Amino acid sequence: MRKLSELLKKGKIAVVRTDTLYGILGLAKDPHVVDRIYKIKGRDELKPVVVLVADCKQIEGLGLALNDTCRTLLGEYWPGPVSVILPVKEEFELHYLHKGTGGIAFRIPDDEYLLELLKETGPLVAPSANPQGKEPAKTIKQAMDYFGSAIDFYDDRGECTNTNCGIKKKHMMDVMCFCIVMFVERRVVQLLLLK
């Protein structure tokens, strides 16, 4: 892990198995790294990516304020495969992450290896390891077939067998000062502050 951590901190990108699927990881605080990942994937420039964090302090380190109610709510879902979209203002400086959508998707993974990596590197963007429109890579070999030498480092942690990626059901509920939209099978939760 040390080599992987050092490479990421130097602005390199890597394919790594997360707790949900293989992803292309790079420093979330570096717009050049994020831009490079978009180009390698052929990803729609207006489509934001998920940001993996080790804890809520790393979210606050990116300039978002979390109150106690929000922390308590997030604790119900994290660590785990739930992505939570936290609202940001249009003028928020990390436009390259939110792409004008008004929010950034965060997740604390349920994987000790990843959590240790995130403690070393700080927040990492982690879109799936596939060119846009193709099936996400389930193995390092498949990722290498997709990207070859365009990726700086491949971290082989075995085949990804998690196939729980489809959105089939949607439930809506209000919780205190939040509106939560939860897509059950994809496990995406959107938190919007109510005014």
N, C-alpha and C. Protein backbone atom coordinates (compact mmCIF):
# COMPACT_ATOMS: atom_id res chain seq x y z
N MET A 1 0.82 -1.21 0.00
CA MET A 1 0.00 0.00 0.00
C MET A 1 0.86 1.27 0.00
N ARG A 2 2.04 1.20 0.57
CA ARG A 2 2.88 2.40 0.66
C ARG A 2 3.21 2.97 -0.72
N LYS A 3 3.56 2.07 -1.66
CA LYS A 3 3.87 2.52 -3.01
C LYS A 3 2.66 3.19 -3.65
N LEU A 4 1.50 2.57 -3.49
CA LEU A 4 0.26 3.12 -4.04
C LEU A 4 -0.02 4.49 -3.44
N SER A 5 0.09 4.60 -2.13
CA SER A 5 -0.16 5.86 -1.43
C SER A 5 0.78 6.96 -1.93
N GLU A 6 2.07 6.65 -2.04
CA GLU A 6 3.05 7.64 -2.47
C GLU A 6 2.78 8.10 -3.90
N LEU A 7 2.42 7.16 -4.77
CA LEU A 7 2.11 7.52 -6.15
C LEU A 7 0.89 8.45 -6.22
N LEU A 8 -0.15 8.12 -5.47
CA LEU A 8 -1.36 8.95 -5.48
C LEU A 8 -1.06 10.35 -4.94
N LYS A 9 -0.27 10.43 -3.89
CA LYS A 9 0.07 11.73 -3.31
C LYS A 9 0.91 12.58 -4.27
N LYS A 10 1.57 11.93 -5.22
CA LYS A 10 2.37 12.65 -6.23
C LYS A 10 1.54 13.01 -7.45
N GLY A 11 0.22 12.75 -7.39
CA GLY A 11 -0.64 13.14 -8.51
C GLY A 11 -0.81 12.07 -9.56
N LYS A 12 -0.41 10.84 -9.27
CA LYS A 12 -0.61 9.73 -10.20
C LYS A 12 -2.02 9.17 -10.02
N ILE A 13 -2.44 8.34 -10.97
CA ILE A 13 -3.76 7.71 -10.87
C ILE A 13 -3.60 6.20 -10.88
N ALA A 14 -4.54 5.51 -10.23
CA ALA A 14 -4.43 4.07 -10.09
C ALA A 14 -5.79 3.41 -10.20
N VAL A 15 -5.80 2.18 -10.68
CA VAL A 15 -7.00 1.36 -10.65
C VAL A 15 -6.91 0.50 -9.40
N VAL A 16 -7.94 0.61 -8.54
CA VAL A 16 -7.95 -0.08 -7.25
C VAL A 16 -9.34 -0.65 -7.02
N ARG A 17 -9.40 -1.84 -6.45
CA ARG A 17 -10.70 -2.40 -6.09
C ARG A 17 -11.21 -1.70 -4.84
N THR A 18 -12.42 -1.16 -4.91
CA THR A 18 -13.04 -0.56 -3.75
C THR A 18 -13.94 -1.62 -3.11
N ASP A 19 -14.77 -1.21 -2.17
CA ASP A 19 -15.68 -2.16 -1.55
C ASP A 19 -16.91 -2.42 -2.41
N THR A 20 -17.02 -1.73 -3.54
CA THR A 20 -18.15 -1.96 -4.44
C THR A 20 -17.71 -2.45 -5.83
N LEU A 21 -16.65 -1.87 -6.39
CA LEU A 21 -16.17 -2.25 -7.71
C LEU A 21 -14.77 -1.69 -7.91
N TYR A 22 -14.14 -2.04 -9.04
CA TYR A 22 -12.84 -1.42 -9.34
C TYR A 22 -13.07 0.02 -9.78
N GLY A 23 -12.22 0.91 -9.25
CA GLY A 23 -12.34 2.32 -9.59
C GLY A 23 -11.01 2.90 -10.04
N ILE A 24 -11.09 4.06 -10.69
CA ILE A 24 -9.89 4.81 -11.04
C ILE A 24 -9.74 5.88 -9.97
N LEU A 25 -8.69 5.78 -9.16
CA LEU A 25 -8.51 6.67 -8.03
C LEU A 25 -7.46 7.73 -8.30
N GLY A 26 -7.76 8.95 -7.81
CA GLY A 26 -6.83 10.06 -7.91
C GLY A 26 -7.19 11.12 -6.89
N LEU A 27 -6.27 12.02 -6.60
CA LEU A 27 -6.48 13.05 -5.59
C LEU A 27 -7.65 13.97 -5.94
N ALA A 28 -8.61 14.05 -5.03
CA ALA A 28 -9.78 14.90 -5.26
C ALA A 28 -9.43 16.38 -5.21
N LYS A 29 -8.35 16.73 -4.51
CA LYS A 29 -7.97 18.14 -4.38
C LYS A 29 -7.18 18.66 -5.57
N ASP A 30 -6.86 17.79 -6.52
CA ASP A 30 -6.04 18.19 -7.67
C ASP A 30 -6.88 18.19 -8.95
N PRO A 31 -7.27 19.39 -9.44
CA PRO A 31 -8.11 19.45 -10.64
C PRO A 31 -7.47 18.83 -11.87
N HIS A 32 -6.14 18.85 -11.95
CA HIS A 32 -5.46 18.26 -13.10
C HIS A 32 -5.59 16.74 -13.09
N VAL A 33 -5.52 16.15 -11.90
CA VAL A 33 -5.69 14.70 -11.77
C VAL A 33 -7.12 14.32 -12.16
N VAL A 34 -8.09 15.07 -11.65
CA VAL A 34 -9.50 14.79 -11.95
C VAL A 34 -9.75 14.91 -13.45
N ASP A 35 -9.21 15.95 -14.06
CA ASP A 35 -9.37 16.16 -15.50
C ASP A 35 -8.76 15.00 -16.30
N ARG A 36 -7.60 14.53 -15.85
CA ARG A 36 -6.95 13.42 -16.54
C ARG A 36 -7.81 12.16 -16.47
N ILE A 37 -8.43 11.91 -15.31
CA ILE A 37 -9.30 10.74 -15.17
C ILE A 37 -10.50 10.84 -16.11
N TYR A 38 -11.08 12.04 -16.20
CA TYR A 38 -12.20 12.24 -17.12
C TYR A 38 -11.78 11.91 -18.56
N LYS A 39 -10.60 12.36 -18.93
CA LYS A 39 -10.14 12.14 -20.31
C LYS A 39 -9.86 10.66 -20.57
N ILE A 40 -9.25 9.98 -19.61
CA ILE A 40 -8.95 8.56 -19.78
C ILE A 40 -10.23 7.74 -19.91
N LYS A 41 -11.24 8.08 -19.11
CA LYS A 41 -12.51 7.35 -19.17
C LYS A 41 -13.37 7.75 -20.37
N GLY A 42 -13.11 8.95 -20.92
CA GLY A 42 -14.01 9.49 -21.94
C GLY A 42 -15.33 9.88 -21.30
N ARG A 43 -15.24 10.32 -20.05
CA ARG A 43 -16.43 10.60 -19.25
C ARG A 43 -17.05 11.95 -19.63
N ASP A 44 -18.36 12.00 -19.62
CA ASP A 44 -19.10 13.24 -19.85
C ASP A 44 -18.59 14.30 -18.88
N GLU A 45 -18.14 15.43 -19.40
CA GLU A 45 -17.54 16.50 -18.58
C GLU A 45 -18.51 17.09 -17.56
N LEU A 46 -19.80 16.92 -17.77
CA LEU A 46 -20.78 17.48 -16.85
C LEU A 46 -21.27 16.46 -15.82
N LYS A 47 -20.73 15.27 -15.86
CA LYS A 47 -21.15 14.21 -14.94
C LYS A 47 -20.16 14.12 -13.77
N PRO A 48 -20.61 14.48 -12.55
CA PRO A 48 -19.69 14.45 -11.42
C PRO A 48 -19.28 13.02 -11.03
N VAL A 49 -18.23 12.93 -10.22
CA VAL A 49 -17.75 11.63 -9.75
C VAL A 49 -17.88 11.56 -8.23
N VAL A 50 -17.88 10.34 -7.70
CA VAL A 50 -17.94 10.15 -6.26
C VAL A 50 -16.56 10.41 -5.65
N VAL A 51 -16.55 10.96 -4.43
CA VAL A 51 -15.31 11.21 -3.70
C VAL A 51 -15.29 10.30 -2.47
N LEU A 52 -14.27 9.47 -2.37
CA LEU A 52 -14.10 8.61 -1.21
C LEU A 52 -13.34 9.37 -0.12
N VAL A 53 -13.79 9.24 1.12
CA VAL A 53 -13.14 9.88 2.26
C VAL A 53 -12.99 8.87 3.39
N ALA A 54 -12.05 9.15 4.29
CA ALA A 54 -11.84 8.26 5.44
C ALA A 54 -12.78 8.60 6.58
N ASP A 55 -13.20 9.88 6.65
CA ASP A 55 -14.06 10.32 7.74
C ASP A 55 -14.66 11.69 7.38
N CYS A 56 -15.53 12.18 8.25
CA CYS A 56 -16.20 13.47 7.99
C CYS A 56 -15.23 14.64 8.02
N LYS A 57 -14.12 14.51 8.75
CA LYS A 57 -13.13 15.60 8.79
C LYS A 57 -12.56 15.86 7.41
N GLN A 58 -12.42 14.81 6.61
CA GLN A 58 -11.89 15.00 5.26
C GLN A 58 -12.89 15.75 4.38
N ILE A 59 -14.17 15.57 4.63
CA ILE A 59 -15.19 16.34 3.90
C ILE A 59 -15.06 17.81 4.28
N GLU A 60 -14.94 18.07 5.57
CA GLU A 60 -14.80 19.45 6.04
C GLU A 60 -13.51 20.08 5.54
N GLY A 61 -12.49 19.26 5.34
CA GLY A 61 -11.23 19.75 4.80
C GLY A 61 -11.35 20.25 3.37
N LEU A 62 -12.41 19.82 2.69
CA LEU A 62 -12.67 20.31 1.33
C LEU A 62 -13.53 21.57 1.34
N GLY A 63 -13.90 22.03 2.54
CA GLY A 63 -14.63 23.30 2.64
C GLY A 63 -16.12 23.17 2.88
N LEU A 64 -16.62 21.97 3.15
CA LEU A 64 -18.05 21.79 3.45
C LEU A 64 -18.23 21.75 4.97
N ALA A 65 -19.27 22.40 5.45
CA ALA A 65 -19.56 22.40 6.87
C ALA A 65 -20.64 21.36 7.18
N LEU A 66 -20.37 20.52 8.17
CA LEU A 66 -21.33 19.50 8.59
C LEU A 66 -21.77 19.79 10.01
N ASN A 67 -23.09 19.88 10.22
CA ASN A 67 -23.57 20.08 11.59
C ASN A 67 -23.77 18.73 12.27
N ASP A 68 -24.11 18.76 13.56
CA ASP A 68 -24.24 17.52 14.32
C ASP A 68 -25.34 16.62 13.78
N THR A 69 -26.44 17.22 13.31
CA THR A 69 -27.54 16.44 12.75
C THR A 69 -27.07 15.67 11.52
N CYS A 70 -26.31 16.36 10.68
CA CYS A 70 -25.80 15.72 9.46
C CYS A 70 -24.83 14.60 9.80
N ARG A 71 -23.95 14.83 10.76
CA ARG A 71 -22.99 13.80 11.16
C ARG A 71 -23.71 12.55 11.68
N THR A 72 -24.75 12.78 12.49
CA THR A 72 -25.51 11.66 13.04
C THR A 72 -26.18 10.86 11.92
N LEU A 73 -26.77 11.58 10.97
CA LEU A 73 -27.45 10.94 9.85
C LEU A 73 -26.47 10.14 9.00
N LEU A 74 -25.31 10.74 8.71
CA LEU A 74 -24.31 10.06 7.90
C LEU A 74 -23.81 8.80 8.60
N GLY A 75 -23.75 8.85 9.93
CA GLY A 75 -23.30 7.70 10.70
C GLY A 75 -24.19 6.49 10.54
N GLU A 76 -25.45 6.70 10.11
CA GLU A 76 -26.36 5.59 9.89
C GLU A 76 -26.03 4.82 8.60
N TYR A 77 -25.33 5.47 7.68
CA TYR A 77 -25.05 4.88 6.38
C TYR A 77 -23.58 4.51 6.19
N TRP A 78 -22.71 5.17 6.92
CA TRP A 78 -21.26 4.98 6.72
C TRP A 78 -20.61 4.30 7.91
N PRO A 79 -19.54 3.53 7.70
CA PRO A 79 -18.99 3.17 6.39
C PRO A 79 -19.90 2.18 5.66
N GLY A 80 -19.83 2.23 4.34
CA GLY A 80 -20.65 1.34 3.54
C GLY A 80 -20.77 1.81 2.11
N PRO A 81 -21.59 1.10 1.32
CA PRO A 81 -21.70 1.38 -0.12
C PRO A 81 -22.67 2.51 -0.47
N VAL A 82 -22.96 3.37 0.51
CA VAL A 82 -23.91 4.47 0.28
C VAL A 82 -23.15 5.74 -0.09
N SER A 83 -23.50 6.32 -1.23
CA SER A 83 -22.96 7.62 -1.63
C SER A 83 -23.95 8.69 -1.22
N VAL A 84 -23.46 9.74 -0.58
CA VAL A 84 -24.32 10.82 -0.11
C VAL A 84 -23.92 12.11 -0.83
N ILE A 85 -24.90 12.74 -1.48
CA ILE A 85 -24.64 13.99 -2.19
C ILE A 85 -24.89 15.14 -1.23
N LEU A 86 -23.82 15.85 -0.88
CA LEU A 86 -23.93 16.99 0.02
C LEU A 86 -24.00 18.27 -0.81
N PRO A 87 -24.89 19.19 -0.43
CA PRO A 87 -25.07 20.41 -1.23
C PRO A 87 -23.89 21.37 -1.10
N VAL A 88 -23.58 22.02 -2.22
CA VAL A 88 -22.57 23.08 -2.26
C VAL A 88 -23.16 24.26 -3.03
N LYS A 89 -22.65 25.44 -2.74
CA LYS A 89 -23.12 26.61 -3.46
C LYS A 89 -22.46 26.68 -4.82
N GLU A 90 -23.13 27.32 -5.76
CA GLU A 90 -22.64 27.40 -7.14
C GLU A 90 -21.23 27.98 -7.21
N GLU A 91 -20.93 28.94 -6.33
CA GLU A 91 -19.62 29.59 -6.35
C GLU A 91 -18.55 28.79 -5.61
N PHE A 92 -18.92 27.62 -5.10
CA PHE A 92 -17.98 26.76 -4.37
C PHE A 92 -16.77 26.50 -5.26
N GLU A 93 -15.57 26.62 -4.69
CA GLU A 93 -14.35 26.59 -5.49
C GLU A 93 -14.05 25.25 -6.16
N LEU A 94 -14.63 24.17 -5.67
CA LEU A 94 -14.36 22.87 -6.26
C LEU A 94 -15.34 22.54 -7.38
N HIS A 95 -15.53 23.49 -8.29
CA HIS A 95 -16.45 23.32 -9.40
C HIS A 95 -16.09 22.08 -10.23
N TYR A 96 -14.80 21.79 -10.33
CA TYR A 96 -14.36 20.64 -11.13
C TYR A 96 -14.86 19.31 -10.53
N LEU A 97 -15.33 19.34 -9.27
CA LEU A 97 -15.92 18.15 -8.67
C LEU A 97 -17.43 18.12 -8.79
N HIS A 98 -18.08 19.27 -8.55
CA HIS A 98 -19.55 19.25 -8.56
C HIS A 98 -20.14 19.54 -9.93
N LYS A 99 -19.33 20.09 -10.84
CA LYS A 99 -19.75 20.30 -12.23
C LYS A 99 -21.04 21.11 -12.36
N GLY A 100 -21.27 22.00 -11.41
CA GLY A 100 -22.46 22.85 -11.47
C GLY A 100 -23.75 22.18 -11.04
N THR A 101 -23.66 20.99 -10.47
CA THR A 101 -24.87 20.25 -10.07
C THR A 101 -25.42 20.70 -8.72
N GLY A 102 -24.62 21.43 -7.96
CA GLY A 102 -25.06 21.87 -6.64
C GLY A 102 -24.75 20.88 -5.54
N GLY A 103 -24.03 19.81 -5.85
CA GLY A 103 -23.68 18.84 -4.82
C GLY A 103 -22.50 17.98 -5.20
N ILE A 104 -21.86 17.41 -4.19
CA ILE A 104 -20.75 16.47 -4.38
C ILE A 104 -21.10 15.18 -3.67
N ALA A 105 -20.93 14.06 -4.36
CA ALA A 105 -21.22 12.74 -3.77
C ALA A 105 -20.00 12.26 -3.00
N PHE A 106 -20.22 11.92 -1.72
CA PHE A 106 -19.16 11.40 -0.86
C PHE A 106 -19.52 10.01 -0.39
N ARG A 107 -18.47 9.26 -0.01
CA ARG A 107 -18.69 7.94 0.55
C ARG A 107 -17.52 7.55 1.43
N ILE A 108 -17.82 6.94 2.58
CA ILE A 108 -16.79 6.31 3.41
C ILE A 108 -16.90 4.81 3.16
N PRO A 109 -15.89 4.22 2.51
CA PRO A 109 -16.00 2.80 2.15
C PRO A 109 -15.88 1.88 3.36
N ASP A 110 -16.50 0.73 3.26
CA ASP A 110 -16.44 -0.29 4.31
C ASP A 110 -15.34 -1.28 3.95
N ASP A 111 -14.09 -0.80 4.01
CA ASP A 111 -12.94 -1.60 3.59
C ASP A 111 -11.71 -1.05 4.31
N GLU A 112 -11.12 -1.83 5.19
CA GLU A 112 -9.99 -1.35 6.00
C GLU A 112 -8.81 -0.92 5.13
N TYR A 113 -8.54 -1.66 4.07
CA TYR A 113 -7.44 -1.32 3.17
C TYR A 113 -7.65 0.08 2.59
N LEU A 114 -8.86 0.33 2.09
CA LEU A 114 -9.16 1.64 1.51
C LEU A 114 -9.13 2.75 2.55
N LEU A 115 -9.66 2.47 3.74
CA LEU A 115 -9.66 3.48 4.78
C LEU A 115 -8.24 3.88 5.17
N GLU A 116 -7.35 2.91 5.26
CA GLU A 116 -5.95 3.23 5.55
C GLU A 116 -5.33 4.05 4.43
N LEU A 117 -5.65 3.68 3.19
CA LEU A 117 -5.14 4.42 2.04
C LEU A 117 -5.64 5.86 2.08
N LEU A 118 -6.92 6.05 2.37
CA LEU A 118 -7.51 7.39 2.42
C LEU A 118 -6.93 8.23 3.55
N LYS A 119 -6.59 7.60 4.66
CA LYS A 119 -5.94 8.34 5.76
C LYS A 119 -4.59 8.87 5.33
N GLU A 120 -3.92 8.13 4.44
CA GLU A 120 -2.61 8.54 3.94
C GLU A 120 -2.72 9.62 2.85
N THR A 121 -3.69 9.47 1.96
CA THR A 121 -3.75 10.33 0.77
C THR A 121 -4.70 11.51 0.90
N GLY A 122 -5.71 11.38 1.75
CA GLY A 122 -6.80 12.35 1.75
C GLY A 122 -7.85 11.91 0.75
N PRO A 123 -8.89 12.74 0.51
CA PRO A 123 -10.00 12.37 -0.37
C PRO A 123 -9.54 11.98 -1.77
N LEU A 124 -10.18 10.93 -2.31
CA LEU A 124 -9.87 10.44 -3.65
C LEU A 124 -11.13 10.35 -4.49
N VAL A 125 -11.06 10.85 -5.73
CA VAL A 125 -12.17 10.60 -6.65
C VAL A 125 -12.08 9.14 -7.05
N ALA A 126 -13.24 8.52 -7.33
CA ALA A 126 -13.22 7.08 -7.60
C ALA A 126 -14.31 6.65 -8.57
N PRO A 127 -14.29 7.17 -9.81
CA PRO A 127 -15.26 6.66 -10.78
C PRO A 127 -14.91 5.21 -11.13
N SER A 128 -15.89 4.49 -11.64
CA SER A 128 -15.67 3.09 -11.99
C SER A 128 -14.61 2.94 -13.07
N ALA A 129 -13.91 1.81 -13.04
CA ALA A 129 -12.81 1.56 -13.96
C ALA A 129 -13.34 0.98 -15.28
N ASN A 130 -13.85 1.88 -16.10
CA ASN A 130 -14.34 1.51 -17.42
C ASN A 130 -14.47 2.77 -18.27
N PRO A 131 -14.27 2.65 -19.57
CA PRO A 131 -14.59 3.77 -20.45
C PRO A 131 -16.11 3.99 -20.40
N GLN A 132 -16.52 5.23 -20.56
CA GLN A 132 -17.95 5.52 -20.51
C GLN A 132 -18.71 4.65 -21.51
N GLY A 133 -19.78 4.02 -21.02
CA GLY A 133 -20.60 3.17 -21.87
C GLY A 133 -20.22 1.71 -21.85
N LYS A 134 -19.08 1.38 -21.25
CA LYS A 134 -18.64 -0.02 -21.17
C LYS A 134 -18.94 -0.57 -19.77
N GLU A 135 -18.92 -1.88 -19.66
CA GLU A 135 -19.14 -2.55 -18.37
C GLU A 135 -17.97 -2.26 -17.43
N PRO A 136 -18.23 -1.97 -16.14
CA PRO A 136 -17.14 -1.75 -15.19
C PRO A 136 -16.23 -2.97 -15.10
N ALA A 137 -14.92 -2.72 -15.01
CA ALA A 137 -13.95 -3.81 -14.91
C ALA A 137 -14.17 -4.58 -13.62
N LYS A 138 -14.17 -5.91 -13.73
CA LYS A 138 -14.29 -6.78 -12.55
C LYS A 138 -12.95 -7.35 -12.13
N THR A 139 -11.95 -7.21 -13.01
CA THR A 139 -10.61 -7.70 -12.71
C THR A 139 -9.59 -6.67 -13.19
N ILE A 140 -8.38 -6.79 -12.67
CA ILE A 140 -7.30 -5.91 -13.12
C ILE A 140 -7.02 -6.14 -14.60
N LYS A 141 -7.07 -7.39 -15.05
CA LYS A 141 -6.82 -7.67 -16.46
C LYS A 141 -7.81 -6.93 -17.35
N GLN A 142 -9.08 -6.93 -16.95
CA GLN A 142 -10.08 -6.21 -17.74
C GLN A 142 -9.80 -4.72 -17.74
N ALA A 143 -9.40 -4.18 -16.60
CA ALA A 143 -9.05 -2.75 -16.53
C ALA A 143 -7.85 -2.44 -17.40
N MET A 144 -6.85 -3.33 -17.38
CA MET A 144 -5.66 -3.13 -18.22
C MET A 144 -6.01 -3.20 -19.69
N ASP A 145 -6.94 -4.07 -20.04
CA ASP A 145 -7.38 -4.15 -21.43
C ASP A 145 -8.07 -2.84 -21.85
N TYR A 146 -8.79 -2.23 -20.91
CA TYR A 146 -9.46 -0.96 -21.20
C TYR A 146 -8.46 0.19 -21.36
N PHE A 147 -7.51 0.29 -20.41
CA PHE A 147 -6.72 1.52 -20.29
C PHE A 147 -5.23 1.38 -20.58
N GLY A 148 -4.69 0.17 -20.49
CA GLY A 148 -3.27 -0.02 -20.77
C GLY A 148 -2.37 0.90 -19.98
N SER A 149 -1.42 1.53 -20.67
CA SER A 149 -0.42 2.37 -20.01
C SER A 149 -0.94 3.76 -19.64
N ALA A 150 -2.20 4.05 -19.93
CA ALA A 150 -2.77 5.36 -19.55
C ALA A 150 -2.91 5.49 -18.03
N ILE A 151 -2.97 4.34 -17.34
CA ILE A 151 -3.07 4.31 -15.88
C ILE A 151 -1.66 4.13 -15.32
N ASP A 152 -1.33 4.88 -14.26
CA ASP A 152 0.02 4.82 -13.69
C ASP A 152 0.28 3.58 -12.86
N PHE A 153 -0.77 3.03 -12.22
CA PHE A 153 -0.56 1.90 -11.31
C PHE A 153 -1.83 1.07 -11.23
N TYR A 154 -1.66 -0.24 -11.30
CA TYR A 154 -2.78 -1.17 -11.14
C TYR A 154 -2.57 -1.95 -9.84
N ASP A 155 -3.55 -1.90 -8.95
CA ASP A 155 -3.47 -2.57 -7.66
C ASP A 155 -4.42 -3.77 -7.68
N ASP A 156 -3.86 -4.96 -7.89
CA ASP A 156 -4.68 -6.16 -8.04
C ASP A 156 -5.08 -6.73 -6.68
N ARG A 157 -6.36 -6.64 -6.37
CA ARG A 157 -6.89 -7.19 -5.12
C ARG A 157 -7.94 -8.26 -5.42
N GLY A 158 -7.79 -8.92 -6.55
CA GLY A 158 -8.70 -10.00 -6.89
C GLY A 158 -9.93 -9.54 -7.64
N GLU A 159 -10.73 -10.51 -8.03
CA GLU A 159 -11.94 -10.22 -8.81
C GLU A 159 -12.99 -9.53 -7.96
N CYS A 160 -13.65 -8.55 -8.56
CA CYS A 160 -14.77 -7.86 -7.91
C CYS A 160 -16.04 -8.64 -8.22
N THR A 161 -16.68 -9.13 -7.18
CA THR A 161 -17.89 -9.94 -7.39
C THR A 161 -19.16 -9.21 -7.00
N ASN A 162 -19.05 -7.95 -6.55
CA ASN A 162 -20.23 -7.19 -6.14
C ASN A 162 -20.99 -6.75 -7.39
N THR A 163 -22.20 -7.24 -7.55
CA THR A 163 -23.00 -6.87 -8.73
C THR A 163 -24.22 -6.04 -8.36
N ASN A 164 -24.25 -5.55 -7.14
CA ASN A 164 -25.41 -4.79 -6.65
C ASN A 164 -25.29 -3.33 -7.09
N CYS A 165 -25.46 -3.09 -8.39
CA CYS A 165 -25.24 -1.75 -8.92
C CYS A 165 -26.48 -1.13 -9.56
N GLY A 166 -27.57 -1.87 -9.66
CA GLY A 166 -28.73 -1.34 -10.36
C GLY A 166 -29.64 -0.52 -9.47
N ILE A 167 -30.26 0.51 -10.03
CA ILE A 167 -31.24 1.29 -9.30
C ILE A 167 -32.62 0.78 -9.68
N LYS A 168 -33.36 0.22 -8.72
CA LYS A 168 -34.67 -0.31 -9.04
C LYS A 168 -35.78 0.34 -8.24
N LYS A 169 -35.48 0.72 -7.00
CA LYS A 169 -36.53 1.28 -6.15
C LYS A 169 -36.08 2.61 -5.59
N LYS A 170 -37.06 3.48 -5.37
CA LYS A 170 -36.76 4.80 -4.82
C LYS A 170 -37.72 5.09 -3.69
N HIS A 171 -37.18 5.52 -2.57
CA HIS A 171 -38.00 5.88 -1.42
C HIS A 171 -37.68 7.32 -1.04
N MET A 172 -38.71 8.06 -0.67
CA MET A 172 -38.51 9.45 -0.26
C MET A 172 -39.00 9.62 1.16
N MET A 173 -38.28 10.40 1.95
CA MET A 173 -38.67 10.68 3.31
C MET A 173 -38.03 11.98 3.77
N ASP A 174 -38.67 12.62 4.71
CA ASP A 174 -38.10 13.81 5.31
C ASP A 174 -37.51 13.44 6.67
N VAL A 175 -36.32 13.91 6.95
CA VAL A 175 -35.69 13.68 8.24
C VAL A 175 -35.21 15.01 8.78
N MET A 176 -35.91 15.51 9.80
CA MET A 176 -35.59 16.79 10.45
C MET A 176 -35.44 17.87 9.38
N CYS A 177 -34.24 18.44 9.23
CA CYS A 177 -34.06 19.53 8.28
C CYS A 177 -33.50 19.04 6.96
N PHE A 178 -33.62 17.74 6.68
CA PHE A 178 -33.09 17.18 5.46
C PHE A 178 -34.17 16.51 4.63
N CYS A 179 -33.96 16.56 3.33
CA CYS A 179 -34.78 15.76 2.43
C CYS A 179 -33.86 14.67 1.92
N ILE A 180 -34.23 13.43 2.15
CA ILE A 180 -33.37 12.32 1.74
C ILE A 180 -34.03 11.58 0.59
N VAL A 181 -33.30 11.40 -0.46
CA VAL A 181 -33.77 10.56 -1.55
C VAL A 181 -32.86 9.35 -1.59
N MET A 182 -33.40 8.18 -1.33
CA MET A 182 -32.57 6.99 -1.29
C MET A 182 -32.94 6.04 -2.42
N PHE A 183 -31.94 5.73 -3.24
CA PHE A 183 -32.11 4.74 -4.29
C PHE A 183 -31.58 3.43 -3.71
N VAL A 184 -32.48 2.54 -3.36
CA VAL A 184 -32.16 1.42 -2.51
C VAL A 184 -31.05 0.53 -3.08
N GLU A 185 -31.19 0.04 -4.30
CA GLU A 185 -30.22 -0.94 -4.77
C GLU A 185 -28.88 -0.32 -5.12
N ARG A 186 -28.87 0.87 -5.62
CA ARG A 186 -27.63 1.56 -5.91
C ARG A 186 -27.06 2.15 -4.63
N ARG A 187 -27.97 2.32 -3.65
CA ARG A 187 -27.62 2.88 -2.36
C ARG A 187 -27.03 4.28 -2.49
N VAL A 188 -27.72 5.12 -3.22
CA VAL A 188 -27.33 6.52 -3.33
C VAL A 188 -28.31 7.33 -2.52
N VAL A 189 -27.79 8.12 -1.61
CA VAL A 189 -28.62 8.95 -0.77
C VAL A 189 -28.31 10.40 -1.05
N GLN A 190 -29.33 11.20 -1.30
CA GLN A 190 -29.09 12.61 -1.56
C GLN A 190 -29.62 13.42 -0.39
N LEU A 191 -28.74 14.24 0.17
CA LEU A 191 -29.12 15.11 1.26
C LEU A 191 -29.18 16.54 0.75
N LEU A 192 -30.32 17.18 0.90
CA LEU A 192 -30.47 18.57 0.49
C LEU A 192 -30.95 19.36 1.70
N LEU A 193 -30.24 20.40 2.06
CA LEU A 193 -30.68 21.22 3.16
C LEU A 193 -31.96 21.95 2.78
N LEU A 194 -32.97 21.87 3.62
CA LEU A 194 -34.21 22.57 3.35
C LEU A 194 -34.11 23.98 3.89
N LYS A 195 -34.56 24.93 3.10
CA LYS A 195 -34.48 26.35 3.53
C LYS A 195 -35.79 26.80 4.12
